[in-house]
C-alpha atoms as a PDB file:
ATOM      1  CA  UNK A   1       0.000   0.000   0.000  1.00  0.00           C
ATOM      2  CA  UNK A   2       1.124   3.541  -0.716  1.00  0.00           C
ATOM      3  CA  UNK A   3       0.971   6.726   1.286  1.00  0.00           C
ATOM      4  CA  UNK A   4      -1.578   8.486  -0.952  1.00  0.00           C
ATOM      5  CA  UNK A   5       0.984  11.014  -2.173  1.00  0.00           C
ATOM      6  CA  UNK A   6      -0.949  11.337  -5.439  1.00  0.00           C
ATOM      7  CA  UNK A   7      -4.446  10.803  -4.087  1.00  0.00           C
ATOM      8  CA  UNK A   8      -7.081  11.541  -6.780  1.00  0.00           C
ATOM      9  CA  UNK A   9      -4.475  13.030  -9.132  1.00  0.00           C
ATOM     10  CA  UNK A  10      -4.838  12.174 -12.813  1.00  0.00           C
ATOM     11  CA  UNK A  11      -1.621  11.061 -14.512  1.00  0.00           C
ATOM     12  CA  UNK A  12      -0.836  10.270 -18.125  1.00  0.00           C
ATOM     13  CA  UNK A  13       2.151   7.929 -18.507  1.00  0.00           C
ATOM     14  CA  UNK A  14       3.419   7.235 -22.027  1.00  0.00           C
ATOM     15  CA  UNK A  15       5.290   4.060 -22.844  1.00  0.00           C
ATOM     16  CA  UNK A  16       3.732   2.379 -19.833  1.00  0.00           C
ATOM     17  CA  UNK A  17       3.207  -1.079 -21.223  1.00  0.00           C
ATOM     18  CA  UNK A  18       6.507  -2.399 -19.877  1.00  0.00           C
ATOM     19  CA  UNK A  19       9.762  -1.537 -18.141  1.00  0.00           C
ATOM     20  CA  UNK A  20      10.161   1.886 -16.564  1.00  0.00           C
ATOM     21  CA  UNK A  21       6.815   3.202 -17.811  1.00  0.00           C
ATOM     22  CA  UNK A  22       4.866   0.271 -16.375  1.00  0.00           C
ATOM     23  CA  UNK A  23       6.644   0.721 -13.032  1.00  0.00           C
ATOM     24  CA  UNK A  24       5.770   4.434 -12.983  1.00  0.00           C
ATOM     25  CA  UNK A  25       2.124   3.673 -13.766  1.00  0.00           C
ATOM     26  CA  UNK A  26       1.871   1.021 -11.039  1.00  0.00           C
ATOM     27  CA  UNK A  27       3.536   3.104  -8.341  1.00  0.00           C
ATOM     28  CA  UNK A  28       1.530   6.217  -9.203  1.00  0.00           C
ATOM     29  CA  UNK A  29      -1.664   4.158  -8.945  1.00  0.00           C
ATOM     30  CA  UNK A  30      -0.450   2.665  -5.676  1.00  0.00           C
ATOM     31  CA  UNK A  31      -0.120   6.232  -4.391  1.00  0.00           C
ATOM     32  CA  UNK A  32      -3.719   7.051  -5.303  1.00  0.00           C
ATOM     33  CA  UNK A  33      -3.460   8.415  -8.847  1.00  0.00           C
ATOM     34  CA  UNK A  34      -5.913   7.659 -11.653  1.00  0.00           C
ATOM     35  CA  UNK A  35      -3.549   6.522 -14.399  1.00  0.00           C
ATOM     36  CA  UNK A  36      -3.856   6.732 -18.168  1.00  0.00           C
ATOM     37  CA  UNK A  37      -1.674   3.976 -19.603  1.00  0.00           C
ATOM     38  CA  UNK A  38      -0.722   5.368 -23.009  1.00  0.00           C
ATOM     39  CA  UNK A  39       1.298   2.892 -25.035  1.00  0.00           C
ATOM     40  CA  UNK A  40       1.717   1.658 -28.597  1.00  0.00           C
ATOM     41  CA  UNK A  41       1.448  -2.063 -27.803  1.00  0.00           C
ATOM     42  CA  UNK A  42      -2.048  -2.648 -26.470  1.00  0.00           C
ATOM     43  CA  UNK A  43      -1.287  -6.159 -25.186  1.00  0.00           C
ATOM     44  CA  UNK A  44       1.358  -5.010 -22.723  1.00  0.00           C
ATOM     45  CA  UNK A  45      -0.632  -1.886 -21.909  1.00  0.00           C
ATOM     46  CA  UNK A  46      -3.607  -4.030 -21.000  1.00  0.00           C
ATOM     47  CA  UNK A  47      -1.378  -6.067 -18.681  1.00  0.00           C
ATOM     48  CA  UNK A  48      -0.305  -2.902 -16.859  1.00  0.00           C
ATOM     49  CA  UNK A  49      -3.929  -1.801 -16.442  1.00  0.00           C
ATOM     50  CA  UNK A  50      -4.894  -5.242 -15.140  1.00  0.00           C
ATOM     51  CA  UNK A  51      -2.042  -5.201 -12.625  1.00  0.00           C
ATOM     52  CA  UNK A  52      -3.122  -1.782 -11.366  1.00  0.00           C
ATOM     53  CA  UNK A  53      -6.757  -2.815 -11.028  1.00  0.00           C
ATOM     54  CA  UNK A  54      -5.828  -6.086  -9.321  1.00  0.00           C
ATOM     55  CA  UNK A  55      -3.979  -4.037  -6.694  1.00  0.00           C
ATOM     56  CA  UNK A  56      -7.048  -1.859  -6.117  1.00  0.00           C
ATOM     57  CA  UNK A  57      -6.031   1.088  -8.306  1.00  0.00           C
ATOM     58  CA  UNK A  58      -7.729   2.836 -11.195  1.00  0.00           C
ATOM     59  CA  UNK A  59      -6.404   2.975 -14.748  1.00  0.00           C
ATOM     60  CA  UNK A  60      -7.489   3.096 -18.366  1.00  0.00           C
ATOM     61  CA  UNK A  61      -5.660   2.071 -21.516  1.00  0.00           C
ATOM     62  CA  UNK A  62      -5.173   4.307 -24.531  1.00  0.00           C
ATOM     63  CA  UNK A  63      -3.429   2.496 -27.375  1.00  0.00           C
ATOM     64  CA  UNK A  64      -1.449   5.144 -29.201  1.00  0.00           C
ATOM     65  CA  UNK A  65       1.693   5.850 -31.209  1.00  0.00           C
ATOM     66  CA  UNK A  66       2.827   9.165 -29.751  1.00  0.00           C
ATOM     67  CA  UNK A  67       5.027  10.013 -32.735  1.00  0.00           C
ATOM     68  CA  UNK A  68       2.179  12.070 -34.251  1.00  0.00           C
ATOM     69  CA  UNK A  69       0.394  15.184 -33.024  1.00  0.00           C
ATOM     70  CA  UNK A  70      -3.065  13.740 -33.699  1.00  0.00           C
ATOM     71  CA  UNK A  71      -2.315  10.701 -31.549  1.00  0.00           C
ATOM     72  CA  UNK A  72      -1.154  12.875 -28.688  1.00  0.00           C
ATOM     73  CA  UNK A  73      -4.312  14.964 -28.856  1.00  0.00           C
ATOM     74  CA  UNK A  74      -6.356  11.765 -28.671  1.00  0.00           C
ATOM     75  CA  UNK A  75      -4.622  10.790 -25.411  1.00  0.00           C
ATOM     76  CA  UNK A  76      -5.356  14.167 -23.842  1.00  0.00           C
ATOM     77  CA  UNK A  77      -8.961  14.132 -25.080  1.00  0.00           C
ATOM     78  CA  UNK A  78      -9.567  10.621 -23.700  1.00  0.00           C
ATOM     79  CA  UNK A  79      -8.039  11.589 -20.362  1.00  0.00           C
ATOM     80  CA  UNK A  80     -10.297  14.630 -20.030  1.00  0.00           C
ATOM     81  CA  UNK A  81     -13.330  12.663 -21.175  1.00  0.00           C
ATOM     82  CA  UNK A  82     -12.729   9.996 -18.531  1.00  0.00           C
ATOM     83  CA  UNK A  83     -11.312  11.910 -15.565  1.00  0.00           C
ATOM     84  CA  UNK A  84     -12.003  15.581 -16.312  1.00  0.00           C
ATOM     85  CA  UNK A  85      -8.508  16.872 -15.558  1.00  0.00           C
ATOM     86  CA  UNK A  86      -4.755  16.285 -16.003  1.00  0.00           C
ATOM     87  CA  UNK A  87      -2.473  16.746 -12.997  1.00  0.00           C
ATOM     88  CA  UNK A  88       0.653  14.896 -14.105  1.00  0.00           C
ATOM     89  CA  UNK A  89       2.032  14.118 -17.550  1.00  0.00           C
ATOM     90  CA  UNK A  90       4.935  11.682 -17.743  1.00  0.00           C
ATOM     91  CA  UNK A  91       6.541  11.297 -21.151  1.00  0.00           C
ATOM     92  CA  UNK A  92       8.472   8.065 -20.853  1.00  0.00           C
ATOM     93  CA  UNK A  93       8.042   6.405 -24.266  1.00  0.00           C
ATOM     94  CA  UNK A  94      11.229   6.284 -26.299  1.00  0.00           C
ATOM     95  CA  UNK A  95      12.708   5.020 -29.539  1.00  0.00           C
ATOM     96  CA  UNK A  96      16.119   3.350 -29.327  1.00  0.00           C
ATOM     97  CA  UNK A  97      16.854   3.189 -33.044  1.00  0.00           C
ATOM     98  CA  UNK A  98      20.574   3.598 -33.523  1.00  0.00           C
ATOM     99  CA  UNK A  99      23.558   3.271 -35.776  1.00  0.00           C
ATOM    100  CA  UNK A 100      26.937   4.790 -36.383  1.00  0.00           C
ATOM    101  CA  UNK A 101      27.050   8.412 -37.523  1.00  0.00           C
ATOM    102  CA  UNK A 102      28.678   7.366 -40.800  1.00  0.00           C
ATOM    103  CA  UNK A 103      25.672   5.073 -41.415  1.00  0.00           C
ATOM    104  CA  UNK A 104      23.174   7.888 -40.834  1.00  0.00           C
ATOM    105  CA  UNK A 105      19.611   7.264 -42.031  1.00  0.00           C
ATOM    106  CA  UNK A 106      17.279  10.235 -42.239  1.00  0.00           C
ATOM    107  CA  UNK A 107      14.144   8.196 -41.562  1.00  0.00           C
ATOM    108  CA  UNK A 108      15.607   6.659 -38.392  1.00  0.00           C
ATOM    109  CA  UNK A 109      16.600  10.051 -37.015  1.00  0.00           C
ATOM    110  CA  UNK A 110      13.099  11.364 -37.774  1.00  0.00           C
ATOM    111  CA  UNK A 111      11.551   8.464 -35.842  1.00  0.00           C
ATOM    112  CA  UNK A 112      13.757   8.943 -32.783  1.00  0.00           C
ATOM    113  CA  UNK A 113      13.251  12.691 -32.662  1.00  0.00           C
ATOM    114  CA  UNK A 114       9.482  12.354 -33.124  1.00  0.00           C
ATOM    115  CA  UNK A 115       9.079   9.934 -30.223  1.00  0.00           C
ATOM    116  CA  UNK A 116      11.784  11.141 -27.835  1.00  0.00           C
ATOM    117  CA  UNK A 117      11.843  14.910 -28.366  1.00  0.00           C
ATOM    118  CA  UNK A 118       8.969  16.219 -30.459  1.00  0.00           C
ATOM    119  CA  UNK A 119       6.499  14.408 -28.221  1.00  0.00           C
ATOM    120  CA  UNK A 120       7.794  16.489 -25.290  1.00  0.00           C
ATOM    121  CA  UNK A 121       6.663  19.632 -27.088  1.00  0.00           C
ATOM    122  CA  UNK A 122       3.383  18.182 -28.305  1.00  0.00           C
ATOM    123  CA  UNK A 123       2.337  16.604 -25.008  1.00  0.00           C
ATOM    124  CA  UNK A 124       3.264  19.664 -22.989  1.00  0.00           C
ATOM    125  CA  UNK A 125       1.511  21.982 -25.466  1.00  0.00           C
ATOM    126  CA  UNK A 126      -1.642  19.866 -25.239  1.00  0.00           C
ATOM    127  CA  UNK A 127      -1.601  19.779 -21.420  1.00  0.00           C
ATOM    128  CA  UNK A 128      -0.764  23.436 -20.677  1.00  0.00           C
ATOM    129  CA  UNK A 129      -4.264  24.928 -21.078  1.00  0.00           C
ATOM    130  CA  UNK A 130      -5.835  22.345 -18.783  1.00  0.00           C
ATOM    131  CA  UNK A 131      -3.136  22.535 -16.118  1.00  0.00           C
ATOM    132  CA  UNK A 132      -3.209  26.316 -16.220  1.00  0.00           C
ATOM    133  CA  UNK A 133      -7.001  26.335 -15.832  1.00  0.00           C
ATOM    134  CA  UNK A 134      -6.883  24.097 -12.760  1.00  0.00           C
ATOM    135  CA  UNK A 135      -4.050  26.035 -11.126  1.00  0.00           C
ATOM    136  CA  UNK A 136      -0.980  23.948 -11.871  1.00  0.00           C
ATOM    137  CA  UNK A 137       0.460  20.589 -12.768  1.00  0.00           C
ATOM    138  CA  UNK A 138       3.534  18.447 -13.252  1.00  0.00           C
ATOM    139  CA  UNK A 139       5.344  17.778 -16.538  1.00  0.00           C
ATOM    140  CA  UNK A 140       7.829  14.912 -16.149  1.00  0.00           C
ATOM    141  CA  UNK A 141      10.095  13.386 -18.768  1.00  0.00           C
ATOM    142  CA  UNK A 142      12.331  10.330 -18.784  1.00  0.00           C
ATOM    143  CA  UNK A 143      15.659  11.549 -20.134  1.00  0.00           C
ATOM    144  CA  UNK A 144      18.932   9.575 -19.957  1.00  0.00           C
ATOM    145  CA  UNK A 145      22.537   9.881 -18.884  1.00  0.00           C
ATOM    146  CA  UNK A 146      23.370   8.953 -22.488  1.00  0.00           C
ATOM    147  CA  UNK A 147      23.628  12.233 -24.338  1.00  0.00           C
ATOM    148  CA  UNK A 148      23.490  14.771 -21.511  1.00  0.00           C
ATOM    149  CA  UNK A 149      26.433  13.218 -19.584  1.00  0.00           C
ATOM    150  CA  UNK A 150      28.058  10.264 -21.349  1.00  0.00           C
ATOM    151  CA  UNK A 151      28.397   8.812 -24.842  1.00  0.00           C
ATOM    152  CA  UNK A 152      28.092   5.324 -26.298  1.00  0.00           C
ATOM    153  CA  UNK A 153      28.988   4.309 -29.873  1.00  0.00           C
ATOM    154  CA  UNK A 154      25.979   3.755 -32.096  1.00  0.00           C
ATOM    155  CA  UNK A 155      23.551   5.848 -30.046  1.00  0.00           C
ATOM    156  CA  UNK A 156      23.902   9.273 -31.647  1.00  0.00           C
ATOM    157  CA  UNK A 157      20.206   9.636 -32.550  1.00  0.00           C
ATOM    158  CA  UNK A 158      19.129   8.692 -29.054  1.00  0.00           C
ATOM    159  CA  UNK A 159      21.852  10.727 -27.341  1.00  0.00           C
ATOM    160  CA  UNK A 160      21.036  13.840 -29.347  1.00  0.00           C
ATOM    161  CA  UNK A 161      17.332  13.482 -28.578  1.00  0.00           C
ATOM    162  CA  UNK A 162      17.935  13.133 -24.834  1.00  0.00           C
ATOM    163  CA  UNK A 163      20.290  16.100 -24.742  1.00  0.00           C
ATOM    164  CA  UNK A 164      17.474  17.995 -26.422  1.00  0.00           C
ATOM    165  CA  UNK A 165      15.038  16.735 -23.794  1.00  0.00           C
ATOM    166  CA  UNK A 166      17.151  18.294 -21.042  1.00  0.00           C
ATOM    167  CA  UNK A 167      17.220  21.609 -22.869  1.00  0.00           C
ATOM    168  CA  UNK A 168      13.457  21.433 -23.265  1.00  0.00           C
ATOM    169  CA  UNK A 169      12.982  20.727 -19.548  1.00  0.00           C
ATOM    170  CA  UNK A 170      14.931  23.804 -18.476  1.00  0.00           C
ATOM    171  CA  UNK A 171      13.315  26.176 -20.951  1.00  0.00           C
ATOM    172  CA  UNK A 172       9.754  24.958 -20.411  1.00  0.00           C
ATOM    173  CA  UNK A 173      10.291  25.181 -16.647  1.00  0.00           C
ATOM    174  CA  UNK A 174      11.158  28.872 -16.914  1.00  0.00           C
ATOM    175  CA  UNK A 175       8.191  29.601 -19.146  1.00  0.00           C
ATOM    176  CA  UNK A 176       5.624  27.711 -17.051  1.00  0.00           C
ATOM    177  CA  UNK A 177       6.790  28.452 -13.508  1.00  0.00           C
ATOM    178  CA  UNK A 178       4.381  31.381 -13.047  1.00  0.00           C
ATOM    179  CA  UNK A 179       1.490  29.022 -13.850  1.00  0.00           C
ATOM    180  CA  UNK A 180       2.523  26.654 -11.051  1.00  0.00           C
ATOM    181  CA  UNK A 181       3.436  24.036 -13.661  1.00  0.00           C
ATOM    182  CA  UNK A 182       6.749  22.389 -12.827  1.00  0.00           C
ATOM    183  CA  UNK A 183       8.859  20.636 -15.467  1.00  0.00           C
ATOM    184  CA  UNK A 184      11.440  18.066 -14.405  1.00  0.00           C
ATOM    185  CA  UNK A 185      13.049  14.837 -15.543  1.00  0.00           C
ATOM    186  CA  UNK A 186      14.895  11.724 -14.479  1.00  0.00           C
ATOM    187  CA  UNK A 187      18.096  10.515 -16.157  1.00  0.00           C
ATOM    188  CA  UNK A 188      18.323   6.720 -15.819  1.00  0.00           C
ATOM    189  CA  UNK A 189      21.586   4.873 -16.106  1.00  0.00           C
ATOM    190  CA  UNK A 190      21.673   1.136 -16.837  1.00  0.00           C
ATOM    191  CA  UNK A 191      18.247  -0.219 -15.855  1.00  0.00           C
ATOM    192  CA  UNK A 192      17.011  -3.808 -16.194  1.00  0.00           C
ATOM    193  CA  UNK A 193      14.253  -3.430 -18.794  1.00  0.00           C
ATOM    194  CA  UNK A 194      13.234  -5.296 -21.971  1.00  0.00           C
ATOM    195  CA  UNK A 195      15.281  -2.722 -23.908  1.00  0.00           C
ATOM    196  CA  UNK A 196      18.342  -3.696 -21.877  1.00  0.00           C
ATOM    197  CA  UNK A 197      17.729  -7.343 -22.774  1.00  0.00           C
ATOM    198  CA  UNK A 198      18.062  -6.348 -26.427  1.00  0.00           C
ATOM    199  CA  UNK A 199      21.228  -4.393 -25.734  1.00  0.00           C
ATOM    200  CA  UNK A 200      23.150  -6.989 -23.736  1.00  0.00           C
ATOM    201  CA  UNK A 201      22.977 -10.629 -22.687  1.00  0.00           C
ATOM    202  CA  UNK A 202      23.472 -11.832 -19.111  1.00  0.00           C
ATOM    203  CA  UNK A 203      27.277 -11.955 -19.398  1.00  0.00           C
ATOM    204  CA  UNK A 204      27.448  -8.452 -20.882  1.00  0.00           C
ATOM    205  CA  UNK A 205      25.170  -7.102 -18.136  1.00  0.00           C
ATOM    206  CA  UNK A 206      27.474  -8.609 -15.520  1.00  0.00           C
ATOM    207  CA  UNK A 207      30.408  -6.853 -17.186  1.00  0.00           C
ATOM    208  CA  UNK A 208      28.491  -3.555 -17.126  1.00  0.00           C
ATOM    209  CA  UNK A 209      27.838  -3.982 -13.409  1.00  0.00           C
ATOM    210  CA  UNK A 210      31.603  -4.169 -12.753  1.00  0.00           C
ATOM    211  CA  UNK A 211      31.901  -0.514 -13.736  1.00  0.00           C
ATOM    212  CA  UNK A 212      28.991   0.742 -11.647  1.00  0.00           C
ATOM    213  CA  UNK A 213      29.994   1.837  -8.135  1.00  0.00           C
ATOM    214  CA  UNK A 214      26.777   0.419  -6.694  1.00  0.00           C
ATOM    215  CA  UNK A 215      27.757  -2.946  -8.185  1.00  0.00           C
ATOM    216  CA  UNK A 216      24.564  -3.794 -10.058  1.00  0.00           C
ATOM    217  CA  UNK A 217      22.077  -2.556 -12.619  1.00  0.00           C
ATOM    218  CA  UNK A 218      19.038  -0.605 -11.519  1.00  0.00           C
ATOM    219  CA  UNK A 219      15.407  -1.688 -11.558  1.00  0.00           C
ATOM    220  CA  UNK A 220      12.425   0.118 -13.117  1.00  0.00           C
ATOM    221  CA  UNK A 221      11.085   0.954  -9.660  1.00  0.00           C
ATOM    222  CA  UNK A 222      14.249   2.961  -8.965  1.00  0.00           C
ATOM    223  CA  UNK A 223      13.202   5.372 -11.699  1.00  0.00           C
ATOM    224  CA  UNK A 224       9.519   5.219 -10.771  1.00  0.00           C
ATOM    225  CA  UNK A 225      10.149   6.332  -7.181  1.00  0.00           C
ATOM    226  CA  UNK A 226      12.223   9.275  -8.408  1.00  0.00           C
ATOM    227  CA  UNK A 227       9.311  10.224 -10.661  1.00  0.00           C
ATOM    228  CA  UNK A 228       6.923   9.841  -7.731  1.00  0.00           C
ATOM    229  CA  UNK A 229       8.877  12.401  -5.741  1.00  0.00           C
ATOM    230  CA  UNK A 230       8.855  14.874  -8.625  1.00  0.00           C
ATOM    231  CA  UNK A 231       5.109  14.340  -9.135  1.00  0.00           C
ATOM    232  CA  UNK A 232       4.265  14.811  -5.466  1.00  0.00           C
ATOM    233  CA  UNK A 233       3.618  17.949  -3.446  1.00  0.00           C
ATOM    234  CA  UNK A 234       7.003  17.385  -1.811  1.00  0.00           C
ATOM    235  CA  UNK A 235       8.619  18.638  -5.027  1.00  0.00           C
ATOM    236  CA  UNK A 236       6.416  21.718  -5.453  1.00  0.00           C
ATOM    237  CA  UNK A 237       9.480  24.018  -5.350  1.00  0.00           C
ATOM    238  CA  UNK A 238      11.574  21.935  -7.757  1.00  0.00           C
ATOM    239  CA  UNK A 239      11.518  22.794 -11.456  1.00  0.00           C
ATOM    240  CA  UNK A 240      13.854  22.707 -14.433  1.00  0.00           C
ATOM    241  CA  UNK A 241      15.877  19.868 -12.927  1.00  0.00           C
ATOM    242  CA  UNK A 242      16.894  16.345 -13.876  1.00  0.00           C
ATOM    243  CA  UNK A 243      17.606  13.707 -11.261  1.00  0.00           C
ATOM    244  CA  UNK A 244      20.336  11.201 -12.159  1.00  0.00           C
ATOM    245  CA  UNK A 245      19.510   7.657 -11.057  1.00  0.00           C
ATOM    246  CA  UNK A 246      22.427   5.520 -12.190  1.00  0.00           C
ATOM    247  CA  UNK A 247      24.017   3.746  -9.216  1.00  0.00           C
ATOM    248  CA  UNK A 248      26.979   6.079  -9.587  1.00  0.00           C
ATOM    249  CA  UNK A 249      27.906   4.888 -13.079  1.00  0.00           C
ATOM    250  CA  UNK A 250      28.697   8.387 -14.344  1.00  0.00           C
ATOM    251  CA  UNK A 251      30.905   9.262 -11.359  1.00  0.00           C
ATOM    252  CA  UNK A 252      34.257   7.540 -12.099  1.00  0.00           C
ATOM    253  CA  UNK A 253      36.605   9.575 -14.252  1.00  0.00           C
ATOM    254  CA  UNK A 254      37.556   6.337 -15.985  1.00  0.00           C
ATOM    255  CA  UNK A 255      36.728   2.631 -15.548  1.00  0.00           C
ATOM    256  CA  UNK A 256      40.375   2.154 -14.585  1.00  0.00           C
ATOM    257  CA  UNK A 257      39.570   3.601 -11.165  1.00  0.00           C
ATOM    258  CA  UNK A 258      36.885   0.986 -10.598  1.00  0.00           C
ATOM    259  CA  UNK A 259      38.620  -2.342 -11.196  1.00  0.00           C
ATOM    260  CA  UNK A 260      42.156  -1.918 -12.487  1.00  0.00           C
ATOM    261  CA  UNK A 261      43.675  -0.204  -9.465  1.00  0.00           C
ATOM    262  CA  UNK A 262      47.104  -1.798  -9.507  1.00  0.00           C
ATOM    263  CA  UNK A 263      49.665   0.837 -10.306  1.00  0.00           C
ATOM    264  CA  UNK A 264      47.177   3.684  -9.984  1.00  0.00           C
ATOM    265  CA  UNK A 265      48.104   6.151  -7.283  1.00  0.00           C
ATOM    266  CA  UNK A 266      45.441   7.942  -5.267  1.00  0.00           C
ATOM    267  CA  UNK A 267      45.634  11.703  -5.609  1.00  0.00           C
ATOM    268  CA  UNK A 268      46.229  13.321  -2.241  1.00  0.00           C
ATOM    269  CA  UNK A 269      46.291  16.914  -1.167  1.00  0.00           C
ATOM    270  CA  UNK A 270      49.520  18.430   0.036  1.00  0.00           C
END
């Protein structure tokens, strides 16, 4: 059982059929929110809704591809039709299409930007009038450490989109602060999701964990609880920020300081 931190709030969560999005939807519902599960794959979205209802929460499914403006408007319209308001919008859906820069494909970049970045603009634009009318709201976006803080070969589309997301968060926060609409994000590191299963097998994940100070990969709930804080009244004075949740993976100056310490001298002050 939750602590009712989002009691009777209405929250849209995109990409909530699995992984991080599903965890956000479940935990928000556990905390009393009415959740709109907005996801492209209706089968997994239905599973999230069923899990929420089985735990005593309230949720509806909207099957949608949020890469288009019309689809986004349909999510907002359905939310208002069902619940009459929008208190929290979480844009979590993402495209992970990738490739080396020298193998650039225009259509792939368009897809990634439409889902990861353009949807931030479109969803926020669609929610602003309703949040403003009711006296405020929360805009939350799942960003990433990849792009804003670190780089990985073959992820330039994704990295560029997430760096753009962080710029959007800061600018929208300034513009909407006077309306009591906060705009924040969470930057996940390596999290155990279906997308991670596609990226690395069990052996590769174990190798990744060697270079994370915490010693393991994160879980979807680790991101969901960070989102819960930002959605709650406890974060009413926080805006334009991104919270890094990565087990410390972006802290070491180099992996050499994590596991190959022989011959490396510790820097000491004089």
